[in-house]
Structure formats: structure tokens, C-alpha cells
Amino acid sequence: MSVFLTILLAVQMIAAVSMIGLILVQHGKGADMGAAFGSGGSGSLFGASGSANFLSRTTAVLATVFFVCTLMLAYFGTARPAASSGSVLEGAAVIAPLPAAVVPAAPASGAAQIPSK
């Protein structure tokens, strides 16, 4: 089960980093408006209209993968074994009691002693 959770967490992190990268690569709708008024080349690697479809679909797929991984990690993280019903204090470690009389150590010779009242 631990290996499965590790793989699931790795897939979630890869999806998150990839989604961040794809979102940063995409241009907003305001960039098209600037290109229409002559602000420069609006061409991209995937073409003028194909980039939005390819990048937005890939981002949607990665967001779905990230969401499913998050739900599965939350489910497996809160799953409890059926046999462990009871109090938390039942499983607490037993602490040995302290000795009744604790005598402080004598101060070293030559050390300043505090007079007691």
C-alpha cells in the first residue's frame, strides 16, 4: 500500500508541475486583442488557432489527473483499519513512576554556595 501511495503522490506532483508549466505557456485573451492592433507577431509553435485547443485540452486532462490523485490520497489517508476501534489512551505507553525521594547532588568544592534561610 505504501508503494501505491508513493506512486500516486509522484503522479500528482508531476501533474501539478506540468499543469503549472502549461498554464504559464498559454497566453490570455488579452494577448489576441493586442495582436489585432499591431503589437507584433501572434504566431506560436502550434499555429494561430491550434495552440489554444491543444494547450487547453492538455491542461484540462492534467487538472483531472491532479484532482483524481488528490481525492484518492485523501481517501487512503483517512482510511482506518476496522480493528482499531477504541480510545487513543489505550495504546499509550506506560511511563515508569519517578522515585519518591530525589536528593539533589552536593555542589562541587570551590563553587559558591547559596545560603539557605
PDB file of N, CA and C in Angstrom:
ATOM      1  N   MET A   1       0.826  -1.192   0.000  1.00  0.00           N
ATOM      2  CA  MET A   1       0.000   0.000   0.000  1.00  0.00           C
ATOM      3  C   MET A   1       0.869   1.253   0.000  1.00  0.00           C
ATOM      4  N   SER A   2       2.016   1.178   0.677  1.00  0.00           N
ATOM      5  CA  SER A   2       2.896   2.332   0.747  1.00  0.00           C
ATOM      6  C   SER A   2       3.489   2.661  -0.626  1.00  0.00           C
ATOM      7  N   VAL A   3       3.792   1.633  -1.406  1.00  0.00           N
ATOM      8  CA  VAL A   3       4.332   1.854  -2.748  1.00  0.00           C
ATOM      9  C   VAL A   3       3.277   2.508  -3.639  1.00  0.00           C
ATOM     10  N   PHE A   4       2.035   2.068  -3.499  1.00  0.00           N
ATOM     11  CA  PHE A   4       0.945   2.662  -4.276  1.00  0.00           C
ATOM     12  C   PHE A   4       0.763   4.140  -3.936  1.00  0.00           C
ATOM     13  N   LEU A   5       0.816   4.464  -2.647  1.00  0.00           N
ATOM     14  CA  LEU A   5       0.676   5.863  -2.248  1.00  0.00           C
ATOM     15  C   LEU A   5       1.841   6.703  -2.738  1.00  0.00           C
ATOM     16  N   THR A   6       3.035   6.141  -2.751  1.00  0.00           N
ATOM     17  CA  THR A   6       4.199   6.861  -3.257  1.00  0.00           C
ATOM     18  C   THR A   6       4.068   7.133  -4.755  1.00  0.00           C
ATOM     19  N   ILE A   7       3.617   6.139  -5.502  1.00  0.00           N
ATOM     20  CA  ILE A   7       3.421   6.315  -6.947  1.00  0.00           C
ATOM     21  C   ILE A   7       2.325   7.340  -7.206  1.00  0.00           C
ATOM     22  N   LEU A   8       1.251   7.269  -6.426  1.00  0.00           N
ATOM     23  CA  LEU A   8       0.145   8.210  -6.578  1.00  0.00           C
ATOM     24  C   LEU A   8       0.592   9.633  -6.276  1.00  0.00           C
ATOM     25  N   LEU A   9       1.408   9.796  -5.251  1.00  0.00           N
ATOM     26  CA  LEU A   9       1.924  11.120  -4.918  1.00  0.00           C
ATOM     27  C   LEU A   9       2.870  11.638  -6.002  1.00  0.00           C
ATOM     28  N   ALA A  10       3.685  10.755  -6.585  1.00  0.00           N
ATOM     29  CA  ALA A  10       4.581  11.165  -7.662  1.00  0.00           C
ATOM     30  C   ALA A  10       3.791  11.597  -8.899  1.00  0.00           C
ATOM     31  N   VAL A  11       2.728  10.860  -9.229  1.00  0.00           N
ATOM     32  CA  VAL A  11       1.885  11.233 -10.374  1.00  0.00           C
ATOM     33  C   VAL A  11       1.220  12.584 -10.120  1.00  0.00           C
ATOM     34  N   GLN A  12       0.779  12.806  -8.886  1.00  0.00           N
ATOM     35  CA  GLN A  12       0.138  14.073  -8.561  1.00  0.00           C
ATOM     36  C   GLN A  12       1.127  15.240  -8.696  1.00  0.00           C
ATOM     37  N   MET A  13       2.348  15.046  -8.233  1.00  0.00           N
ATOM     38  CA  MET A  13       3.333  16.126  -8.313  1.00  0.00           C
ATOM     39  C   MET A  13       3.747  16.404  -9.751  1.00  0.00           C
ATOM     40  N   ILE A  14       3.884  15.354 -10.562  1.00  0.00           N
ATOM     41  CA  ILE A  14       4.221  15.545 -11.974  1.00  0.00           C
ATOM     42  C   ILE A  14       3.083  16.274 -12.691  1.00  0.00           C
ATOM     43  N   ALA A  15       1.848  15.897 -12.384  1.00  0.00           N
ATOM     44  CA  ALA A  15       0.698  16.573 -12.991  1.00  0.00           C
ATOM     45  C   ALA A  15       0.647  18.035 -12.571  1.00  0.00           C
ATOM     46  N   ALA A  16       0.952  18.319 -11.311  1.00  0.00           N
ATOM     47  CA  ALA A  16       0.901  19.703 -10.829  1.00  0.00           C
ATOM     48  C   ALA A  16       1.972  20.562 -11.505  1.00  0.00           C
ATOM     49  N   VAL A  17       3.200  20.052 -11.588  1.00  0.00           N
ATOM     50  CA  VAL A  17       4.276  20.831 -12.209  1.00  0.00           C
ATOM     51  C   VAL A  17       4.009  21.015 -13.701  1.00  0.00           C
ATOM     52  N   SER A  18       3.519  19.970 -14.355  1.00  0.00           N
ATOM     53  CA  SER A  18       3.200  20.086 -15.787  1.00  0.00           C
ATOM     54  C   SER A  18       2.061  21.067 -16.027  1.00  0.00           C
ATOM     55  N   MET A  19       1.070  21.037 -15.155  1.00  0.00           N
ATOM     56  CA  MET A  19      -0.055  21.955 -15.298  1.00  0.00           C
ATOM     57  C   MET A  19       0.399  23.402 -15.098  1.00  0.00           C
ATOM     58  N   ILE A  20       1.276  23.629 -14.131  1.00  0.00           N
ATOM     59  CA  ILE A  20       1.812  24.985 -13.922  1.00  0.00           C
ATOM     60  C   ILE A  20       2.553  25.456 -15.163  1.00  0.00           C
ATOM     61  N   GLY A  21       3.378  24.578 -15.730  1.00  0.00           N
ATOM     62  CA  GLY A  21       4.110  24.942 -16.942  1.00  0.00           C
ATOM     63  C   GLY A  21       3.193  25.250 -18.115  1.00  0.00           C
ATOM     64  N   LEU A  22       2.173  24.428 -18.303  1.00  0.00           N
ATOM     65  CA  LEU A  22       1.256  24.673 -19.420  1.00  0.00           C
ATOM     66  C   LEU A  22       0.447  25.948 -19.227  1.00  0.00           C
ATOM     67  N   ILE A  23       0.070  26.238 -18.015  1.00  0.00           N
ATOM     68  CA  ILE A  23      -0.688  27.467 -17.766  1.00  0.00           C
ATOM     69  C   ILE A  23       0.180  28.693 -18.014  1.00  0.00           C
ATOM     70  N   LEU A  24       1.444  28.609 -17.645  1.00  0.00           N
ATOM     71  CA  LEU A  24       2.336  29.747 -17.869  1.00  0.00           C
ATOM     72  C   LEU A  24       2.666  29.952 -19.351  1.00  0.00           C
ATOM     73  N   VAL A  25       2.638  28.874 -20.138  1.00  0.00           N
ATOM     74  CA  VAL A  25       2.937  28.978 -21.568  1.00  0.00           C
ATOM     75  C   VAL A  25       1.771  29.601 -22.330  1.00  0.00           C
ATOM     76  N   GLN A  26       0.552  29.353 -21.872  1.00  0.00           N
ATOM     77  CA  GLN A  26      -0.621  29.855 -22.593  1.00  0.00           C
ATOM     78  C   GLN A  26      -0.702  31.372 -22.488  1.00  0.00           C
ATOM     79  N   HIS A  27      -1.268  31.961 -23.505  1.00  0.00           N
ATOM     80  CA  HIS A  27      -1.481  33.405 -23.480  1.00  0.00           C
ATOM     81  C   HIS A  27      -2.962  33.667 -23.246  1.00  0.00           C
ATOM     82  N   GLY A  28      -3.222  34.766 -22.589  1.00  0.00           N
ATOM     83  CA  GLY A  28      -4.604  35.094 -22.253  1.00  0.00           C
ATOM     84  C   GLY A  28      -5.359  35.669 -23.438  1.00  0.00           C
ATOM     85  N   LYS A  29      -6.637  35.964 -23.208  1.00  0.00           N
ATOM     86  CA  LYS A  29      -7.461  36.517 -24.281  1.00  0.00           C
ATOM     87  C   LYS A  29      -7.063  37.946 -24.606  1.00  0.00           C
ATOM     88  N   GLY A  30      -6.440  38.619 -23.672  1.00  0.00           N
ATOM     89  CA  GLY A  30      -5.987  39.979 -23.928  1.00  0.00           C
ATOM     90  C   GLY A  30      -4.818  40.027 -24.891  1.00  0.00           C
ATOM     91  N   ALA A  31      -4.065  38.939 -25.014  1.00  0.00           N
ATOM     92  CA  ALA A  31      -2.942  38.913 -25.950  1.00  0.00           C
ATOM     93  C   ALA A  31      -3.429  38.927 -27.392  1.00  0.00           C
ATOM     94  N   ASP A  32      -4.557  38.300 -27.666  1.00  0.00           N
ATOM     95  CA  ASP A  32      -5.122  38.328 -29.018  1.00  0.00           C
ATOM     96  C   ASP A  32      -5.579  39.728 -29.397  1.00  0.00           C
ATOM     97  N   MET A  33      -6.101  40.460 -28.443  1.00  0.00           N
ATOM     98  CA  MET A  33      -6.551  41.823 -28.704  1.00  0.00           C
ATOM     99  C   MET A  33      -5.358  42.709 -29.057  1.00  0.00           C
ATOM    100  N   GLY A  34      -4.233  42.522 -28.363  1.00  0.00           N
ATOM    101  CA  GLY A  34      -3.047  43.320 -28.658  1.00  0.00           C
ATOM    102  C   GLY A  34      -2.476  42.988 -30.019  1.00  0.00           C
ATOM    103  N   ALA A  35      -2.540  41.716 -30.409  1.00  0.00           N
ATOM    104  CA  ALA A  35      -2.033  41.324 -31.722  1.00  0.00           C
ATOM    105  C   ALA A  35      -2.906  41.883 -32.839  1.00  0.00           C
ATOM    106  N   ALA A  36      -4.179  42.063 -32.585  1.00  0.00           N
ATOM    107  CA  ALA A  36      -5.086  42.586 -33.610  1.00  0.00           C
ATOM    108  C   ALA A  36      -4.785  44.047 -33.916  1.00  0.00           C
ATOM    109  N   PHE A  37      -4.255  44.784 -32.956  1.00  0.00           N
ATOM    110  CA  PHE A  37      -3.945  46.192 -33.166  1.00  0.00           C
ATOM    111  C   PHE A  37      -2.491  46.424 -33.535  1.00  0.00           C
ATOM    112  N   GLY A  38      -1.793  45.383 -33.958  1.00  0.00           N
ATOM    113  CA  GLY A  38      -0.455  45.543 -34.494  1.00  0.00           C
ATOM    114  C   GLY A  38       0.671  45.555 -33.478  1.00  0.00           C
ATOM    115  N   SER A  39       0.547  44.800 -32.402  1.00  0.00           N
ATOM    116  CA  SER A  39       1.612  44.811 -31.399  1.00  0.00           C
ATOM    117  C   SER A  39       2.690  43.785 -31.674  1.00  0.00           C
ATOM    118  N   GLY A  40       2.596  43.035 -32.702  1.00  0.00           N
ATOM    119  CA  GLY A  40       3.671  42.099 -33.011  1.00  0.00           C
ATOM    120  C   GLY A  40       3.129  40.786 -33.526  1.00  0.00           C
ATOM    121  N   GLY A  41       4.047  39.836 -33.658  1.00  0.00           N
ATOM    122  CA  GLY A  41       3.671  38.527 -34.187  1.00  0.00           C
ATOM    123  C   GLY A  41       2.836  37.745 -33.202  1.00  0.00           C
ATOM    124  N   SER A  42       1.713  37.251 -33.678  1.00  0.00           N
ATOM    125  CA  SER A  42       0.846  36.460 -32.806  1.00  0.00           C
ATOM    126  C   SER A  42       0.981  34.975 -33.089  1.00  0.00           C
ATOM    127  N   GLY A  43       1.895  34.592 -33.965  1.00  0.00           N
ATOM    128  CA  GLY A  43       2.077  33.187 -34.275  1.00  0.00           C
ATOM    129  C   GLY A  43       2.757  32.466 -33.129  1.00  0.00           C
ATOM    130  N   SER A  44       2.503  31.178 -33.012  1.00  0.00           N
ATOM    131  CA  SER A  44       3.122  30.398 -31.954  1.00  0.00           C
ATOM    132  C   SER A  44       3.595  29.078 -32.528  1.00  0.00           C
ATOM    133  N   LEU A  45       4.090  28.237 -31.679  1.00  0.00           N
ATOM    134  CA  LEU A  45       4.629  26.960 -32.101  1.00  0.00           C
ATOM    135  C   LEU A  45       3.550  26.061 -32.699  1.00  0.00           C
ATOM    136  N   PHE A  46       2.329  26.110 -32.169  1.00  0.00           N
ATOM    137  CA  PHE A  46       1.263  25.220 -32.607  1.00  0.00           C
ATOM    138  C   PHE A  46       0.325  25.866 -33.614  1.00  0.00           C
ATOM    139  N   GLY A  47       0.629  27.043 -34.099  1.00  0.00           N
ATOM    140  CA  GLY A  47      -0.250  27.726 -35.036  1.00  0.00           C
ATOM    141  C   GLY A  47      -1.140  28.732 -34.333  1.00  0.00           C
ATOM    142  N   ALA A  48      -1.858  29.512 -35.103  1.00  0.00           N
ATOM    143  CA  ALA A  48      -2.640  30.598 -34.524  1.00  0.00           C
ATOM    144  C   ALA A  48      -3.852  30.088 -33.747  1.00  0.00           C
ATOM    145  N   SER A  49      -4.581  29.113 -34.288  1.00  0.00           N
ATOM    146  CA  SER A  49      -5.785  28.663 -33.588  1.00  0.00           C
ATOM    147  C   SER A  49      -5.600  27.318 -32.901  1.00  0.00           C
ATOM    148  N   GLY A  50      -4.646  26.538 -33.338  1.00  0.00           N
ATOM    149  CA  GLY A  50      -4.453  25.209 -32.763  1.00  0.00           C
ATOM    150  C   GLY A  50      -3.835  25.215 -31.388  1.00  0.00           C
ATOM    151  N   SER A  51      -3.123  26.278 -31.016  1.00  0.00           N
ATOM    152  CA  SER A  51      -2.436  26.283 -29.724  1.00  0.00           C
ATOM    153  C   SER A  51      -3.418  26.318 -28.574  1.00  0.00           C
ATOM    154  N   ALA A  52      -4.476  27.074 -28.708  1.00  0.00           N
ATOM    155  CA  ALA A  52      -5.438  27.173 -27.610  1.00  0.00           C
ATOM    156  C   ALA A  52      -6.122  25.836 -27.379  1.00  0.00           C
ATOM    157  N   ASN A  53      -6.477  25.148 -28.441  1.00  0.00           N
ATOM    158  CA  ASN A  53      -7.154  23.871 -28.275  1.00  0.00           C
ATOM    159  C   ASN A  53      -6.226  22.821 -27.674  1.00  0.00           C
ATOM    160  N   PHE A  54      -5.015  22.699 -28.194  1.00  0.00           N
ATOM    161  CA  PHE A  54      -4.079  21.693 -27.704  1.00  0.00           C
ATOM    162  C   PHE A  54      -3.688  21.969 -26.251  1.00  0.00           C
ATOM    163  N   LEU A  55      -3.313  23.194 -25.958  1.00  0.00           N
ATOM    164  CA  LEU A  55      -2.861  23.516 -24.607  1.00  0.00           C
ATOM    165  C   LEU A  55      -4.001  23.467 -23.601  1.00  0.00           C
ATOM    166  N   SER A  56      -5.163  23.936 -23.982  1.00  0.00           N
ATOM    167  CA  SER A  56      -6.279  23.924 -23.033  1.00  0.00           C
ATOM    168  C   SER A  56      -6.779  22.507 -22.772  1.00  0.00           C
ATOM    169  N   ARG A  57      -6.772  21.660 -23.784  1.00  0.00           N
ATOM    170  CA  ARG A  57      -7.178  20.268 -23.574  1.00  0.00           C
ATOM    171  C   ARG A  57      -6.168  19.534 -22.710  1.00  0.00           C
ATOM    172  N   THR A  58      -4.892  19.753 -22.954  1.00  0.00           N
ATOM    173  CA  THR A  58      -3.859  19.115 -22.145  1.00  0.00           C
ATOM    174  C   THR A  58      -3.933  19.593 -20.700  1.00  0.00           C
ATOM    175  N   THR A  59      -4.184  20.875 -20.505  1.00  0.00           N
ATOM    176  CA  THR A  59      -4.327  21.412 -19.153  1.00  0.00           C
ATOM    177  C   THR A  59      -5.539  20.804 -18.460  1.00  0.00           C
ATOM    178  N   ALA A  60      -6.627  20.619 -19.184  1.00  0.00           N
ATOM    179  CA  ALA A  60      -7.826  20.013 -18.595  1.00  0.00           C
ATOM    180  C   ALA A  60      -7.578  18.562 -18.202  1.00  0.00           C
ATOM    181  N   VAL A  61      -6.847  17.823 -19.029  1.00  0.00           N
ATOM    182  CA  VAL A  61      -6.532  16.429 -18.704  1.00  0.00           C
ATOM    183  C   VAL A  61      -5.638  16.374 -17.462  1.00  0.00           C
ATOM    184  N   LEU A  62      -4.624  17.231 -17.395  1.00  0.00           N
ATOM    185  CA  LEU A  62      -3.731  17.246 -16.236  1.00  0.00           C
ATOM    186  C   LEU A  62      -4.475  17.691 -14.975  1.00  0.00           C
ATOM    187  N   ALA A  63      -5.399  18.616 -15.116  1.00  0.00           N
ATOM    188  CA  ALA A  63      -6.187  19.037 -13.951  1.00  0.00           C
ATOM    189  C   ALA A  63      -7.062  17.894 -13.453  1.00  0.00           C
ATOM    190  N   THR A  64      -7.620  17.109 -14.367  1.00  0.00           N
ATOM    191  CA  THR A  64      -8.422  15.951 -13.973  1.00  0.00           C
ATOM    192  C   THR A  64      -7.573  14.905 -13.268  1.00  0.00           C
ATOM    193  N   VAL A  65      -6.382  14.641 -13.796  1.00  0.00           N
ATOM    194  CA  VAL A  65      -5.467  13.682 -13.161  1.00  0.00           C
ATOM    195  C   VAL A  65      -5.087  14.175 -11.761  1.00  0.00           C
ATOM    196  N   PHE A  66      -4.788  15.463 -11.642  1.00  0.00           N
ATOM    197  CA  PHE A  66      -4.422  16.035 -10.347  1.00  0.00           C
ATOM    198  C   PHE A  66      -5.582  15.918  -9.357  1.00  0.00           C
ATOM    199  N   PHE A  67      -6.792  16.204  -9.801  1.00  0.00           N
ATOM    200  CA  PHE A  67      -7.969  16.151  -8.935  1.00  0.00           C
ATOM    201  C   PHE A  67      -8.244  14.722  -8.474  1.00  0.00           C
ATOM    202  N   VAL A  68      -8.150  13.752  -9.380  1.00  0.00           N
ATOM    203  CA  VAL A  68      -8.388  12.352  -9.021  1.00  0.00           C
ATOM    204  C   VAL A  68      -7.317  11.861  -8.044  1.00  0.00           C
ATOM    205  N   CYS A  69      -6.065  12.229  -8.290  1.00  0.00           N
ATOM    206  CA  CYS A  69      -4.991  11.836  -7.366  1.00  0.00           C
ATOM    207  C   CYS A  69      -5.200  12.453  -5.989  1.00  0.00           C
ATOM    208  N   THR A  70      -5.653  13.690  -5.944  1.00  0.00           N
ATOM    209  CA  THR A  70      -5.910  14.341  -4.662  1.00  0.00           C
ATOM    210  C   THR A  70      -7.028  13.631  -3.906  1.00  0.00           C
ATOM    211  N   LEU A  71      -8.107  13.280  -4.603  1.00  0.00           N
ATOM    212  CA  LEU A  71      -9.197  12.565  -3.949  1.00  0.00           C
ATOM    213  C   LEU A  71      -8.769  11.192  -3.453  1.00  0.00           C
ATOM    214  N   MET A  72      -7.972  10.485  -4.246  1.00  0.00           N
ATOM    215  CA  MET A  72      -7.519   9.162  -3.832  1.00  0.00           C
ATOM    216  C   MET A  72      -6.559   9.251  -2.641  1.00  0.00           C
ATOM    217  N   LEU A  73      -5.668  10.232  -2.629  1.00  0.00           N
ATOM    218  CA  LEU A  73      -4.766  10.408  -1.491  1.00  0.00           C
ATOM    219  C   LEU A  73      -5.540  10.778  -0.228  1.00  0.00           C
ATOM    220  N   ALA A  74      -6.566  11.593  -0.373  1.00  0.00           N
ATOM    221  CA  ALA A  74      -7.389  11.952   0.784  1.00  0.00           C
ATOM    222  C   ALA A  74      -8.155  10.734   1.303  1.00  0.00           C
ATOM    223  N   TYR A  75      -8.650   9.907   0.395  1.00  0.00           N
ATOM    224  CA  TYR A  75      -9.394   8.720   0.813  1.00  0.00           C
ATOM    225  C   TYR A  75      -8.481   7.735   1.537  1.00  0.00           C
ATOM    226  N   PHE A  76      -7.325   7.436   0.943  1.00  0.00           N
ATOM    227  CA  PHE A  76      -6.426   6.464   1.557  1.00  0.00           C
ATOM    228  C   PHE A  76      -5.735   7.028   2.796  1.00  0.00           C
ATOM    229  N   GLY A  77      -5.637   8.340   2.890  1.00  0.00           N
ATOM    230  CA  GLY A  77      -5.027   8.941   4.066  1.00  0.00           C
ATOM    231  C   GLY A  77      -5.921   8.911   5.281  1.00  0.00           C
ATOM    232  N   THR A  78      -7.238   8.880   5.069  1.00  0.00           N
ATOM    233  CA  THR A  78      -8.169   8.849   6.197  1.00  0.00           C
ATOM    234  C   THR A  78      -8.732   7.464   6.451  1.00  0.00           C
ATOM    235  N   ALA A  79      -8.386   6.486   5.649  1.00  0.00           N
ATOM    236  CA  ALA A  79      -8.891   5.127   5.849  1.00  0.00           C
ATOM    237  C   ALA A  79      -8.284   4.550   7.123  1.00  0.00           C
ATOM    238  N   ARG A  80      -9.113   3.981   7.970  1.00  0.00           N
ATOM    239  CA  ARG A  80      -8.675   3.403   9.243  1.00  0.00           C
ATOM    240  C   ARG A  80      -8.937   1.896   9.213  1.00  0.00           C
ATOM    241  N   PRO A  81      -8.057   1.139   9.828  1.00  0.00           N
ATOM    242  CA  PRO A  81      -8.336  -0.292   9.946  1.00  0.00           C
ATOM    243  C   PRO A  81      -9.534  -0.526  10.865  1.00  0.00           C
ATOM    244  N   ALA A  82     -10.335  -1.549  10.577  1.00  0.00           N
ATOM    245  CA  ALA A  82     -11.559  -1.798  11.340  1.00  0.00           C
ATOM    246  C   ALA A  82     -11.263  -2.293  12.753  1.00  0.00           C
ATOM    247  N   ALA A  83     -10.118  -2.907  12.992  1.00  0.00           N
ATOM    248  CA  ALA A  83      -9.814  -3.497  14.290  1.00  0.00           C
ATOM    249  C   ALA A  83      -9.367  -2.470  15.325  1.00  0.00           C
ATOM    250  N   SER A  84      -9.105  -1.250  14.928  1.00  0.00           N
ATOM    251  CA  SER A  84      -8.548  -0.277  15.867  1.00  0.00           C
ATOM    252  C   SER A  84      -9.609   0.626  16.475  1.00  0.00           C
ATOM    253  N   SER A  85     -10.752   0.082  16.821  1.00  0.00           N
ATOM    254  CA  SER A  85     -11.761   0.910  17.468  1.00  0.00           C
ATOM    255  C   SER A  85     -11.474   0.941  18.962  1.00  0.00           C
ATOM    256  N   GLY A  86     -11.498   2.110  19.529  1.00  0.00           N
ATOM    257  CA  GLY A  86     -11.219   2.250  20.952  1.00  0.00           C
ATOM    258  C   GLY A  86     -10.630   3.609  21.231  1.00  0.00           C
ATOM    259  N   SER A  87     -10.165   3.767  22.428  1.00  0.00           N
ATOM    260  CA  SER A  87      -9.621   5.039  22.867  1.00  0.00           C
ATOM    261  C   SER A  87      -8.165   5.184  22.455  1.00  0.00           C
ATOM    262  N   VAL A  88      -7.747   6.408  22.294  1.00  0.00           N
ATOM    263  CA  VAL A  88      -6.351   6.687  21.980  1.00  0.00           C
ATOM    264  C   VAL A  88      -5.480   6.379  23.191  1.00  0.00           C
ATOM    265  N   LEU A  89      -6.018   6.560  24.386  1.00  0.00           N
ATOM    266  CA  LEU A  89      -5.253   6.346  25.608  1.00  0.00           C
ATOM    267  C   LEU A  89      -4.981   4.879  25.882  1.00  0.00           C
ATOM    268  N   GLU A  90      -5.738   3.973  25.268  1.00  0.00           N
ATOM    269  CA  GLU A  90      -5.494   2.548  25.469  1.00  0.00           C
ATOM    270  C   GLU A  90      -4.156   2.117  24.897  1.00  0.00           C
ATOM    271  N   GLY A  91      -3.722   2.762  23.860  1.00  0.00           N
ATOM    272  CA  GLY A  91      -2.460   2.405  23.234  1.00  0.00           C
ATOM    273  C   GLY A  91      -1.285   3.216  23.741  1.00  0.00           C
ATOM    274  N   ALA A  92      -1.487   4.062  24.742  1.00  0.00           N
ATOM    275  CA  ALA A  92      -0.410   4.907  25.250  1.00  0.00           C
ATOM    276  C   ALA A  92       0.622   4.055  25.989  1.00  0.00           C
ATOM    277  N   ALA A  93       1.860   4.464  25.907  1.00  0.00           N
ATOM    278  CA  ALA A  93       2.945   3.747  26.582  1.00  0.00           C
ATOM    279  C   ALA A  93       2.854   3.988  28.091  1.00  0.00           C
ATOM    280  N   VAL A  94       3.221   2.969  28.852  1.00  0.00           N
ATOM    281  CA  VAL A  94       3.224   3.085  30.309  1.00  0.00           C
ATOM    282  C   VAL A  94       4.527   3.748  30.717  1.00  0.00           C
ATOM    283  N   ILE A  95       4.418   4.828  31.492  1.00  0.00           N
ATOM    284  CA  ILE A  95       5.601   5.562  31.943  1.00  0.00           C
ATOM    285  C   ILE A  95       5.898   5.145  33.369  1.00  0.00           C
ATOM    286  N   ALA A  96       7.151   4.813  33.628  1.00  0.00           N
ATOM    287  CA  ALA A  96       7.560   4.395  34.979  1.00  0.00           C
ATOM    288  C   ALA A  96       7.478   5.584  35.923  1.00  0.00           C
ATOM    289  N   PRO A  97       6.970   5.369  37.155  1.00  0.00           N
ATOM    290  CA  PRO A  97       6.872   6.477  38.101  1.00  0.00           C
ATOM    291  C   PRO A  97       8.258   6.911  38.587  1.00  0.00           C
ATOM    292  N   LEU A  98       8.360   8.186  38.954  1.00  0.00           N
ATOM    293  CA  LEU A  98       9.615   8.712  39.480  1.00  0.00           C
ATOM    294  C   LEU A  98       9.833   8.207  40.897  1.00  0.00           C
ATOM    295  N   PRO A  99      11.094   8.099  41.318  1.00  0.00           N
ATOM    296  CA  PRO A  99      11.345   7.700  42.708  1.00  0.00           C
ATOM    297  C   PRO A  99      10.776   8.746  43.658  1.00  0.00           C
ATOM    298  N   ALA A 100      10.364   8.310  44.848  1.00  0.00           N
ATOM    299  CA  ALA A 100       9.699   9.198  45.800  1.00  0.00           C
ATOM    300  C   ALA A 100      10.633  10.271  46.339  1.00  0.00           C
ATOM    301  N   ALA A 101      11.843   9.929  46.683  1.00  0.00           N
ATOM    302  CA  ALA A 101      12.759  10.905  47.274  1.00  0.00           C
ATOM    303  C   ALA A 101      13.926  11.127  46.321  1.00  0.00           C
ATOM    304  N   VAL A 102      14.008  12.310  45.816  1.00  0.00           N
ATOM    305  CA  VAL A 102      15.118  12.679  44.935  1.00  0.00           C
ATOM    306  C   VAL A 102      15.996  13.632  45.712  1.00  0.00           C
ATOM    307  N   VAL A 103      17.245  13.232  45.958  1.00  0.00           N
ATOM    308  CA  VAL A 103      18.186  14.054  46.717  1.00  0.00           C
ATOM    309  C   VAL A 103      19.060  14.797  45.731  1.00  0.00           C
ATOM    310  N   PRO A 104      19.121  16.145  45.836  1.00  0.00           N
ATOM    311  CA  PRO A 104      19.984  16.877  44.907  1.00  0.00           C
ATOM    312  C   PRO A 104      21.445  16.595  45.190  1.00  0.00           C
ATOM    313  N   ALA A 105      22.235  16.649  44.147  1.00  0.00           N
ATOM    314  CA  ALA A 105      23.665  16.385  44.282  1.00  0.00           C
ATOM    315  C   ALA A 105      24.324  17.517  45.045  1.00  0.00           C
ATOM    316  N   ALA A 106      25.379  17.178  45.794  1.00  0.00           N
ATOM    317  CA  ALA A 106      26.122  18.183  46.562  1.00  0.00           C
ATOM    318  C   ALA A 106      26.901  19.051  45.599  1.00  0.00           C
ATOM    319  N   PRO A 107      26.997  20.361  45.877  1.00  0.00           N
ATOM    320  CA  PRO A 107      27.769  21.231  44.996  1.00  0.00           C
ATOM    321  C   PRO A 107      29.249  20.871  45.028  1.00  0.00           C
ATOM    322  N   ALA A 108      29.915  21.129  43.931  1.00  0.00           N
ATOM    323  CA  ALA A 108      31.340  20.825  43.832  1.00  0.00           C
ATOM    324  C   ALA A 108      32.123  21.730  44.770  1.00  0.00           C
ATOM    325  N   SER A 109      33.270  21.249  45.224  1.00  0.00           N
ATOM    326  CA  SER A 109      34.101  22.046  46.146  1.00  0.00           C
ATOM    327  C   SER A 109      34.618  23.258  45.408  1.00  0.00           C
ATOM    328  N   GLY A 110      34.631  24.395  46.067  1.00  0.00           N
ATOM    329  CA  GLY A 110      35.102  25.625  45.484  1.00  0.00           C
ATOM    330  C   GLY A 110      34.018  26.396  44.797  1.00  0.00           C
ATOM    331  N   ALA A 111      32.845  25.805  44.623  1.00  0.00           N
ATOM    332  CA  ALA A 111      31.747  26.512  43.983  1.00  0.00           C
ATOM    333  C   ALA A 111      31.051  27.375  45.017  1.00  0.00           C
ATOM    334  N   ALA A 112      30.508  28.479  44.582  1.00  0.00           N
ATOM    335  CA  ALA A 112      29.827  29.371  45.509  1.00  0.00           C
ATOM    336  C   ALA A 112      28.552  28.724  45.968  1.00  0.00           C
ATOM    337  N   GLN A 113      28.354  28.727  47.293  1.00  0.00           N
ATOM    338  CA  GLN A 113      27.159  28.123  47.871  1.00  0.00           C
ATOM    339  C   GLN A 113      26.174  29.212  48.226  1.00  0.00           C
ATOM    340  N   ILE A 114      24.896  28.950  48.004  1.00  0.00           N
ATOM    341  CA  ILE A 114      23.843  29.900  48.326  1.00  0.00           C
ATOM    342  C   ILE A 114      23.355  29.580  49.729  1.00  0.00           C
ATOM    343  N   PRO A 115      23.418  30.560  50.624  1.00  0.00           N
ATOM    344  CA  PRO A 115      22.946  30.268  51.991  1.00  0.00           C
ATOM    345  C   PRO A 115      21.448  30.070  52.005  1.00  0.00           C
ATOM    346  N   SER A 116      20.998  29.098  52.781  1.00  0.00           N
ATOM    347  CA  SER A 116      19.567  28.853  52.882  1.00  0.00           C
ATOM    348  C   SER A 116      19.008  29.584  54.087  1.00  0.00           C
ATOM    349  N   LYS A 117      17.785  29.980  54.036  1.00  0.00           N
ATOM    350  CA  LYS A 117      17.159  30.722  55.113  1.00  0.00           C
ATOM    351  C   LYS A 117      16.402  29.824  56.027  1.00  0.00           C
TER     352      LYS A 117
END
